[in-house]
C-alpha atoms as a PDB file:
ATOM      1  CA  MET A   1      10.065  -2.847  22.123  1.00  0.00           C
ATOM      2  CA  ASP A   2       8.986   0.530  23.467  1.00  0.00           C
ATOM      3  CA  LEU A   3       5.779   1.987  22.072  1.00  0.00           C
ATOM      4  CA  TYR A   4       5.107   5.615  21.232  1.00  0.00           C
ATOM      5  CA  THR A   5       2.361   7.564  22.948  1.00  0.00           C
ATOM      6  CA  THR A   6       0.384  10.158  20.997  1.00  0.00           C
ATOM      7  CA  ALA A   7       2.604  12.902  22.405  1.00  0.00           C
ATOM      8  CA  MET A   8       5.768  11.032  21.412  1.00  0.00           C
ATOM      9  CA  ALA A   9       4.414  10.333  17.925  1.00  0.00           C
ATOM     10  CA  SER A  10       3.485  13.990  17.609  1.00  0.00           C
ATOM     11  CA  GLU A  11       7.027  15.063  18.464  1.00  0.00           C
ATOM     12  CA  GLU A  12       8.637  12.470  16.197  1.00  0.00           C
ATOM     13  CA  LEU A  13       6.466  13.394  13.215  1.00  0.00           C
ATOM     14  CA  GLY A  14       6.564  17.130  13.838  1.00  0.00           C
ATOM     15  CA  ILE A  15       2.792  17.493  13.895  1.00  0.00           C
ATOM     16  CA  THR A  16       0.168  18.205  16.551  1.00  0.00           C
ATOM     17  CA  PRO A  17      -1.425  15.439  18.674  1.00  0.00           C
ATOM     18  CA  ALA A  18      -4.740  16.247  16.958  1.00  0.00           C
ATOM     19  CA  ALA A  19      -3.095  15.629  13.579  1.00  0.00           C
ATOM     20  CA  VAL A  20      -1.779  12.295  14.847  1.00  0.00           C
ATOM     21  CA  ARG A  21      -5.295  11.276  15.843  1.00  0.00           C
ATOM     22  CA  ARG A  22      -6.601  12.313  12.401  1.00  0.00           C
ATOM     23  CA  LEU A  23      -3.980  10.076  10.790  1.00  0.00           C
ATOM     24  CA  VAL A  24      -5.269   7.196  12.892  1.00  0.00           C
ATOM     25  CA  ASP A  25      -8.890   7.960  11.962  1.00  0.00           C
ATOM     26  CA  SER A  26      -7.981   8.060   8.258  1.00  0.00           C
ATOM     27  CA  GLY A  27      -6.153   4.733   8.422  1.00  0.00           C
ATOM     28  CA  ARG A  28      -2.761   6.158   7.463  1.00  0.00           C
ATOM     29  CA  LEU A  29      -1.330   5.442  10.914  1.00  0.00           C
ATOM     30  CA  GLN A  30      -2.172   2.271  12.783  1.00  0.00           C
ATOM     31  CA  ALA A  31      -2.469   2.338  16.561  1.00  0.00           C
ATOM     32  CA  THR A  32      -3.338   0.060  19.449  1.00  0.00           C
ATOM     33  CA  LYS A  33      -5.672   1.336  22.161  1.00  0.00           C
ATOM     34  CA  LEU A  34      -4.801   0.224  25.679  1.00  0.00           C
ATOM     35  CA  ALA A  35      -6.853   1.483  28.624  1.00  0.00           C
ATOM     36  CA  GLY A  36      -8.091   4.323  26.432  1.00  0.00           C
ATOM     37  CA  THR A  37      -4.584   5.367  25.355  1.00  0.00           C
ATOM     38  CA  LEU A  38      -3.336   5.202  21.763  1.00  0.00           C
ATOM     39  CA  LEU A  39       0.009   3.451  21.390  1.00  0.00           C
ATOM     40  CA  PHE A  40       2.116   3.265  18.234  1.00  0.00           C
ATOM     41  CA  GLU A  41       4.721   0.782  17.031  1.00  0.00           C
ATOM     42  CA  PRO A  42       7.966   2.523  15.998  1.00  0.00           C
ATOM     43  CA  ALA A  43       7.638   0.744  12.637  1.00  0.00           C
ATOM     44  CA  SER A  44       4.390   2.580  11.920  1.00  0.00           C
ATOM     45  CA  ILE A  45       6.050   5.928  12.608  1.00  0.00           C
ATOM     46  CA  ARG A  46       8.980   5.092  10.341  1.00  0.00           C
ATOM     47  CA  ARG A  47       6.648   4.088   7.506  1.00  0.00           C
ATOM     48  CA  LEU A  48       4.824   7.380   7.721  1.00  0.00           C
ATOM     49  CA  GLN A  49       8.098   9.297   7.792  1.00  0.00           C
ATOM     50  CA  ARG A  50       9.160   7.604   4.557  1.00  0.00           C
ATOM     51  CA  CYS A  51       6.171   9.150   2.797  1.00  0.00           C
ATOM     52  CA  SER A  52       6.987  12.420   1.095  1.00  0.00           C
ATOM     53  CA  ARG A  53       5.748  15.550   2.842  1.00  0.00           C
ATOM     54  CA  ALA A  54       5.790  17.490  -0.421  1.00  0.00           C
ATOM     55  CA  PRO A  55       2.772  19.714  -0.964  1.00  0.00           C
ATOM     56  CA  GLY A  56       0.047  18.731  -3.393  1.00  0.00           C
ATOM     57  CA  ARG A  57      -3.334  17.118  -3.220  1.00  0.00           C
ATOM     58  CA  ILE A  58      -3.403  13.332  -2.926  1.00  0.00           C
ATOM     59  CA  TRP A  59      -5.360  11.608  -5.692  1.00  0.00           C
ATOM     60  CA  SER A  60      -8.730  10.021  -5.062  1.00  0.00           C
ATOM     61  CA  PRO A  61      -8.813   6.199  -5.272  1.00  0.00           C
ATOM     62  CA  ARG A  62     -10.414   6.416  -8.736  1.00  0.00           C
ATOM     63  CA  THR A  63      -7.739   8.757 -10.084  1.00  0.00           C
ATOM     64  CA  ALA A  64      -4.987   6.630  -8.546  1.00  0.00           C
ATOM     65  CA  TRP A  65      -6.290   3.490 -10.228  1.00  0.00           C
ATOM     66  CA  ALA A  66      -6.794   5.365 -13.491  1.00  0.00           C
ATOM     67  CA  ALA A  67      -3.113   6.337 -13.351  1.00  0.00           C
ATOM     68  CA  LEU A  68      -2.101   2.734 -12.728  1.00  0.00           C
ATOM     69  CA  GLU A  69      -4.231   1.547 -15.649  1.00  0.00           C
ATOM     70  CA  ILE A  70      -2.591   4.129 -17.924  1.00  0.00           C
ATOM     71  CA  LEU A  71       0.838   2.941 -16.851  1.00  0.00           C
ATOM     72  CA  HIS A  72      -0.215  -0.651 -17.433  1.00  0.00           C
ATOM     73  CA  ASN A  73      -1.869  -0.440 -20.844  1.00  0.00           C
ATOM     74  CA  ARG A  74      -1.959   3.295 -21.748  1.00  0.00           C
ATOM     75  CA  GLN A  75      -5.718   3.590 -21.422  1.00  0.00           C
ATOM     76  CA  THR A  76      -8.455   3.724 -18.807  1.00  0.00           C
ATOM     77  CA  GLU A  77     -12.215   4.143 -18.645  1.00  0.00           C
ATOM     78  CA  LEU A  78     -12.245   5.151 -14.996  1.00  0.00           C
ATOM     79  CA  ILE A  79     -12.114   8.882 -15.808  1.00  0.00           C
ATOM     80  CA  ASP A  80     -13.302  11.001 -18.737  1.00  0.00           C
ATOM     81  CA  GLN A  81     -11.154  11.933 -21.716  1.00  0.00           C
ATOM     82  CA  PRO A  82     -10.077  15.448 -20.607  1.00  0.00           C
ATOM     83  CA  ARG A  83      -8.917  14.186 -17.232  1.00  0.00           C
ATOM     84  CA  ARG A  84      -7.309  11.154 -18.858  1.00  0.00           C
ATOM     85  CA  SER A  85      -5.218  13.389 -21.117  1.00  0.00           C
ATOM     86  CA  ARG A  86      -4.136  15.611 -18.225  1.00  0.00           C
ATOM     87  CA  LEU A  87      -3.267  12.612 -16.075  1.00  0.00           C
ATOM     88  CA  THR A  88      -1.240  11.007 -18.856  1.00  0.00           C
ATOM     89  CA  ARG A  89       0.820  14.171 -19.253  1.00  0.00           C
ATOM     90  CA  GLN A  90       1.310  14.418 -15.498  1.00  0.00           C
ATOM     91  CA  LEU A  91       2.489  10.829 -15.228  1.00  0.00           C
ATOM     92  CA  ARG A  92       5.276  11.417 -17.746  1.00  0.00           C
ATOM     93  CA  SER A  93       6.788  14.103 -15.496  1.00  0.00           C
ATOM     94  CA  LEU A  94       6.633  12.216 -12.191  1.00  0.00           C
ATOM     95  CA  GLU A  95       9.298  10.477 -10.199  1.00  0.00           C
ATOM     96  CA  ALA A  96       8.357   7.114  -8.687  1.00  0.00           C
ATOM     97  CA  ALA A  97       8.473   8.483  -5.123  1.00  0.00           C
ATOM     98  CA  GLU A  98       6.020  11.253  -5.996  1.00  0.00           C
ATOM     99  CA  LEU A  99       3.669   8.822  -7.735  1.00  0.00           C
ATOM    100  CA  HIS A 100       3.786   6.641  -4.638  1.00  0.00           C
ATOM    101  CA  ARG A 101       2.725   9.638  -2.543  1.00  0.00           C
ATOM    102  CA  LEU A 102      -0.018  10.796  -4.893  1.00  0.00           C
ATOM    103  CA  ALA A 103      -1.487   7.308  -5.265  1.00  0.00           C
ATOM    104  CA  ARG A 104      -1.411   6.301  -1.596  1.00  0.00           C
ATOM    105  CA  ASN A 105      -5.224   6.327  -1.419  1.00  0.00           C
ATOM    106  CA  HIS A 106      -5.488   3.553  -4.019  1.00  0.00           C
ATOM    107  CA  SER A 107      -6.092   1.185  -1.100  1.00  0.00           C
ATOM    108  CA  GLN A 108      -6.446   1.166   2.647  1.00  0.00           C
ATOM    109  CA  LEU A 109      -3.546  -0.884   4.002  1.00  0.00           C
ATOM    110  CA  ARG A 110      -3.844  -2.858   7.225  1.00  0.00           C
ATOM    111  CA  ARG A 111      -1.353  -5.273   8.772  1.00  0.00           C
ATOM    112  CA  PHE A 112      -2.326  -8.414  10.658  1.00  0.00           C
ATOM    113  CA  SER A 113      -0.725 -11.373  12.363  1.00  0.00           C
ATOM    114  CA  ALA A 114      -1.949 -14.854  11.489  1.00  0.00           C
ATOM    115  CA  GLY A 115      -0.753 -18.434  11.839  1.00  0.00           C
ATOM    116  CA  PRO A 116       0.041 -20.761   8.909  1.00  0.00           C
ATOM    117  CA  ARG A 117      -3.446 -22.260   8.722  1.00  0.00           C
ATOM    118  CA  VAL A 118      -5.171 -18.867   8.637  1.00  0.00           C
ATOM    119  CA  ARG A 119      -2.666 -17.519   6.090  1.00  0.00           C
ATOM    120  CA  SER A 120      -3.261 -20.513   3.856  1.00  0.00           C
ATOM    121  CA  GLY A 121      -7.016 -19.981   3.903  1.00  0.00           C
ATOM    122  CA  LEU A 122      -6.691 -16.242   3.477  1.00  0.00           C
ATOM    123  CA  ALA A 123      -4.396 -16.513   0.458  1.00  0.00           C
ATOM    124  CA  GLY A 124      -7.209 -17.966  -1.617  1.00  0.00           C
ATOM    125  CA  ASN A 125      -9.428 -14.972  -0.847  1.00  0.00           C
ATOM    126  CA  LEU A 126      -6.951 -12.222  -1.728  1.00  0.00           C
ATOM    127  CA  VAL A 127      -5.745 -10.943  -5.089  1.00  0.00           C
ATOM    128  CA  PRO A 128      -1.952 -11.156  -4.689  1.00  0.00           C
ATOM    129  CA  THR A 129       0.261  -8.115  -4.984  1.00  0.00           C
ATOM    130  CA  GLY A 130       3.543  -6.800  -3.631  1.00  0.00           C
ATOM    131  CA  ILE A 131       5.569  -9.432  -1.843  1.00  0.00           C
ATOM    132  CA  SER A 132       3.101 -12.237  -2.668  1.00  0.00           C
ATOM    133  CA  SER A 133       3.383 -11.540  -6.403  1.00  0.00           C
ATOM    134  CA  ILE A 134       7.073 -12.331  -6.429  1.00  0.00           C
ATOM    135  CA  ALA A 135       6.306 -15.891  -5.371  1.00  0.00           C
ATOM    136  CA  GLU A 136       6.049 -16.426  -9.128  1.00  0.00           C
ATOM    137  CA  ASP A 137       9.568 -16.873 -10.474  1.00  0.00           C
ATOM    138  CA  THR A 138       9.062 -14.841 -13.633  1.00  0.00           C
ATOM    139  CA  VAL A 139       7.772 -11.878 -11.631  1.00  0.00           C
ATOM    140  CA  ALA A 140      10.576 -12.195  -9.080  1.00  0.00           C
ATOM    141  CA  ASP A 141      13.133 -12.186 -11.891  1.00  0.00           C
ATOM    142  CA  ARG A 142      11.671  -9.007 -13.425  1.00  0.00           C
ATOM    143  CA  PHE A 143      11.978  -7.257 -10.074  1.00  0.00           C
ATOM    144  CA  GLY A 144      15.368  -8.735  -9.191  1.00  0.00           C
ATOM    145  CA  LEU A 145      13.902 -10.312  -6.061  1.00  0.00           C
ATOM    146  CA  ALA A 146      14.277 -14.037  -6.622  1.00  0.00           C
ATOM    147  CA  GLY A 147      14.399 -16.032  -3.417  1.00  0.00           C
ATOM    148  CA  VAL A 148      13.324 -13.307  -0.972  1.00  0.00           C
ATOM    149  CA  LEU A 149       9.763 -14.433  -0.197  1.00  0.00           C
ATOM    150  CA  GLU A 150       9.306 -15.751   3.335  1.00  0.00           C
ATOM    151  CA  GLU A 151       6.539 -18.239   4.111  1.00  0.00           C
ATOM    152  CA  ASP A 152       5.057 -16.150   6.916  1.00  0.00           C
ATOM    153  CA  ARG A 153       4.408 -13.143   4.670  1.00  0.00           C
ATOM    154  CA  LEU A 154       1.305 -12.509   2.617  1.00  0.00           C
ATOM    155  CA  GLU A 155       0.016  -9.467   0.740  1.00  0.00           C
ATOM    156  CA  GLY A 156      -3.080  -8.979  -1.349  1.00  0.00           C
ATOM    157  CA  TYR A 157      -6.262  -7.060  -2.146  1.00  0.00           C
ATOM    158  CA  TRP A 158      -9.656  -7.556  -0.560  1.00  0.00           C
ATOM    159  CA  VAL A 159     -12.702  -5.934  -2.134  1.00  0.00           C
ATOM    160  CA  GLY A 160     -14.894  -4.767   0.718  1.00  0.00           C
ATOM    161  CA  SER A 161     -14.575  -3.490   4.260  1.00  0.00           C
ATOM    162  CA  ILE A 162     -12.203  -4.570   6.983  1.00  0.00           C
ATOM    163  CA  GLU A 163     -15.195  -5.888   8.915  1.00  0.00           C
ATOM    164  CA  SER A 164     -16.301  -8.074   6.005  1.00  0.00           C
ATOM    165  CA  LEU A 165     -12.884  -9.753   5.934  1.00  0.00           C
ATOM    166  CA  LEU A 166     -12.608 -10.243   9.693  1.00  0.00           C
ATOM    167  CA  ASP A 167     -16.088 -11.776   9.767  1.00  0.00           C
ATOM    168  CA  ARG A 168     -14.756 -14.461   7.431  1.00  0.00           C
ATOM    169  CA  VAL A 169     -11.144 -14.740   8.599  1.00  0.00           C
ATOM    170  CA  PRO A 170     -10.595 -13.694  12.243  1.00  0.00           C
ATOM    171  CA  MET A 171      -7.174 -12.043  12.616  1.00  0.00           C
ATOM    172  CA  ALA A 172      -5.500  -9.604  14.949  1.00  0.00           C
ATOM    173  CA  LEU A 173      -4.391  -6.188  13.759  1.00  0.00           C
ATOM    174  CA  ASP A 174      -0.628  -6.045  14.188  1.00  0.00           C
ATOM    175  CA  GLU A 175       1.555  -3.189  12.939  1.00  0.00           C
ATOM    176  CA  VAL A 176       4.536  -5.535  12.650  1.00  0.00           C
ATOM    177  CA  GLY A 177       2.539  -8.509  11.367  1.00  0.00           C
ATOM    178  CA  GLY A 178       3.437 -10.269   8.138  1.00  0.00           C
ATOM    179  CA  VAL A 179      -0.048 -10.231   6.583  1.00  0.00           C
ATOM    180  CA  LEU A 180      -0.698  -7.077   4.548  1.00  0.00           C
ATOM    181  CA  VAL A 181      -4.248  -6.618   3.293  1.00  0.00           C
ATOM    182  CA  ARG A 182      -5.164  -3.789   0.938  1.00  0.00           C
ATOM    183  CA  PHE A 183      -8.839  -2.898   1.130  1.00  0.00           C
ATOM    184  CA  VAL A 184     -10.643  -1.455  -1.908  1.00  0.00           C
ATOM    185  CA  ASP A 185     -14.338  -0.556  -1.962  1.00  0.00           C
ATOM    186  CA  SER A 186     -15.160  -1.440  -5.561  1.00  0.00           C
ATOM    187  CA  PRO A 187     -14.002  -4.282  -7.843  1.00  0.00           C
ATOM    188  CA  ASP A 188     -14.354  -1.922 -10.806  1.00  0.00           C
ATOM    189  CA  LEU A 189     -11.418   0.119  -9.582  1.00  0.00           C
ATOM    190  CA  ILE A 190      -8.880  -2.692  -9.457  1.00  0.00           C
ATOM    191  CA  SER A 191     -10.032  -4.840 -12.378  1.00  0.00           C
ATOM    192  CA  GLY A 192      -7.957  -3.100 -15.056  1.00  0.00           C
ATOM    193  CA  ALA A 193      -4.578  -2.886 -13.354  1.00  0.00           C
ATOM    194  CA  VAL A 194      -4.343  -5.249 -10.392  1.00  0.00           C
ATOM    195  CA  GLY A 195      -1.586  -7.798 -10.899  1.00  0.00           C
ATOM    196  CA  SER A 196       0.320  -5.530 -13.268  1.00  0.00           C
ATOM    197  CA  ASP A 197       3.949  -4.653 -12.649  1.00  0.00           C
ATOM    198  CA  ALA A 198       2.935  -1.042 -11.984  1.00  0.00           C
ATOM    199  CA  VAL A 199       0.690  -2.064  -9.084  1.00  0.00           C
ATOM    200  CA  ILE A 200       3.130  -4.649  -7.733  1.00  0.00           C
ATOM    201  CA  ALA A 201       5.917  -2.051  -7.840  1.00  0.00           C
ATOM    202  CA  LEU A 202       3.815   0.615  -6.129  1.00  0.00           C
ATOM    203  CA  ASP A 203       2.860  -1.792  -3.365  1.00  0.00           C
ATOM    204  CA  LEU A 204       6.428  -3.007  -2.864  1.00  0.00           C
ATOM    205  CA  MET A 205       7.350   0.589  -2.057  1.00  0.00           C
ATOM    206  CA  ASP A 206       5.443   0.157   1.228  1.00  0.00           C
ATOM    207  CA  SER A 207       7.711  -2.712   2.307  1.00  0.00           C
ATOM    208  CA  ASP A 208       9.811  -2.450   5.459  1.00  0.00           C
ATOM    209  CA  ASP A 209      12.653  -4.129   3.557  1.00  0.00           C
ATOM    210  CA  ILE A 210      14.968  -1.646   1.836  1.00  0.00           C
ATOM    211  CA  ARG A 211      15.772  -4.040  -1.016  1.00  0.00           C
ATOM    212  CA  GLU A 212      12.088  -4.609  -1.769  1.00  0.00           C
ATOM    213  CA  ARG A 213      11.319  -0.886  -1.613  1.00  0.00           C
ATOM    214  CA  GLY A 214      14.200  -0.179  -3.967  1.00  0.00           C
ATOM    215  CA  ALA A 215      13.076  -2.852  -6.425  1.00  0.00           C
ATOM    216  CA  GLY A 216       9.570  -1.404  -6.416  1.00  0.00           C
ATOM    217  CA  ARG A 217      10.828   2.157  -6.891  1.00  0.00           C
ATOM    218  CA  ASP A 218      13.226   1.255  -9.711  1.00  0.00           C
ATOM    219  CA  THR A 219      10.636  -0.825 -11.553  1.00  0.00           C
ATOM    220  CA  LEU A 220       7.965   1.849 -11.207  1.00  0.00           C
ATOM    221  CA  GLN A 221      10.380   4.489 -12.492  1.00  0.00           C
ATOM    222  CA  ARG A 222      11.147   2.388 -15.581  1.00  0.00           C
ATOM    223  CA  ILE A 223       7.419   2.003 -16.234  1.00  0.00           C
ATOM    224  CA  ILE A 224       6.894   5.771 -15.899  1.00  0.00           C
ATOM    225  CA  ASP A 225       9.825   6.525 -18.208  1.00  0.00           C
ATOM    226  CA  ASN A 226       8.323   4.250 -20.861  1.00  0.00           C
ATOM    227  CA  ALA A 227       4.777   5.574 -20.515  1.00  0.00           C
END
């Protein structure tokens, strides 16, 4: 499979090469460095293109998790009352795709490749979400995704840095790998909503599989409509 150079990624995304490099630095675009040159998997470019380019400030991780807590149980202590009221009103007017865009900083997503033994050990250290959550039949039924989980796929949250995980579980970064790890700095942020349908749905919207993305979007929209 051909890889994109920075110039090619710049042209494909319609942004400057400097902006491409900033996306890499921020973690929104994953790249491989070979002989000092950044190279990009086409899949990483497509994922970024799926994100809305609509204007508007992206939420901070705390605000994003506050929104997810509100959707989950209609309350949150992550933000003060005035901001909580404003956020609740905003949520009721959002479409799922826009919420997905606004809340993209709720975690720092990295993809890895790992063999069965490493995946098995890693699974016990991650809080499952997205594709791993539908391993439970009742969850899969709610999302209409029964029977889609593949054994070589894993997705979950890790509280801490990328380095702290790789020190414990050595893995290779791989933009097309089946191990998706979502890094969050503080356990306080995820404790109130992680594992909820709102979070699972939001995370499924990052899937490369169109059926899984659609299931996440439709479920998240139903949750918003009932908020």
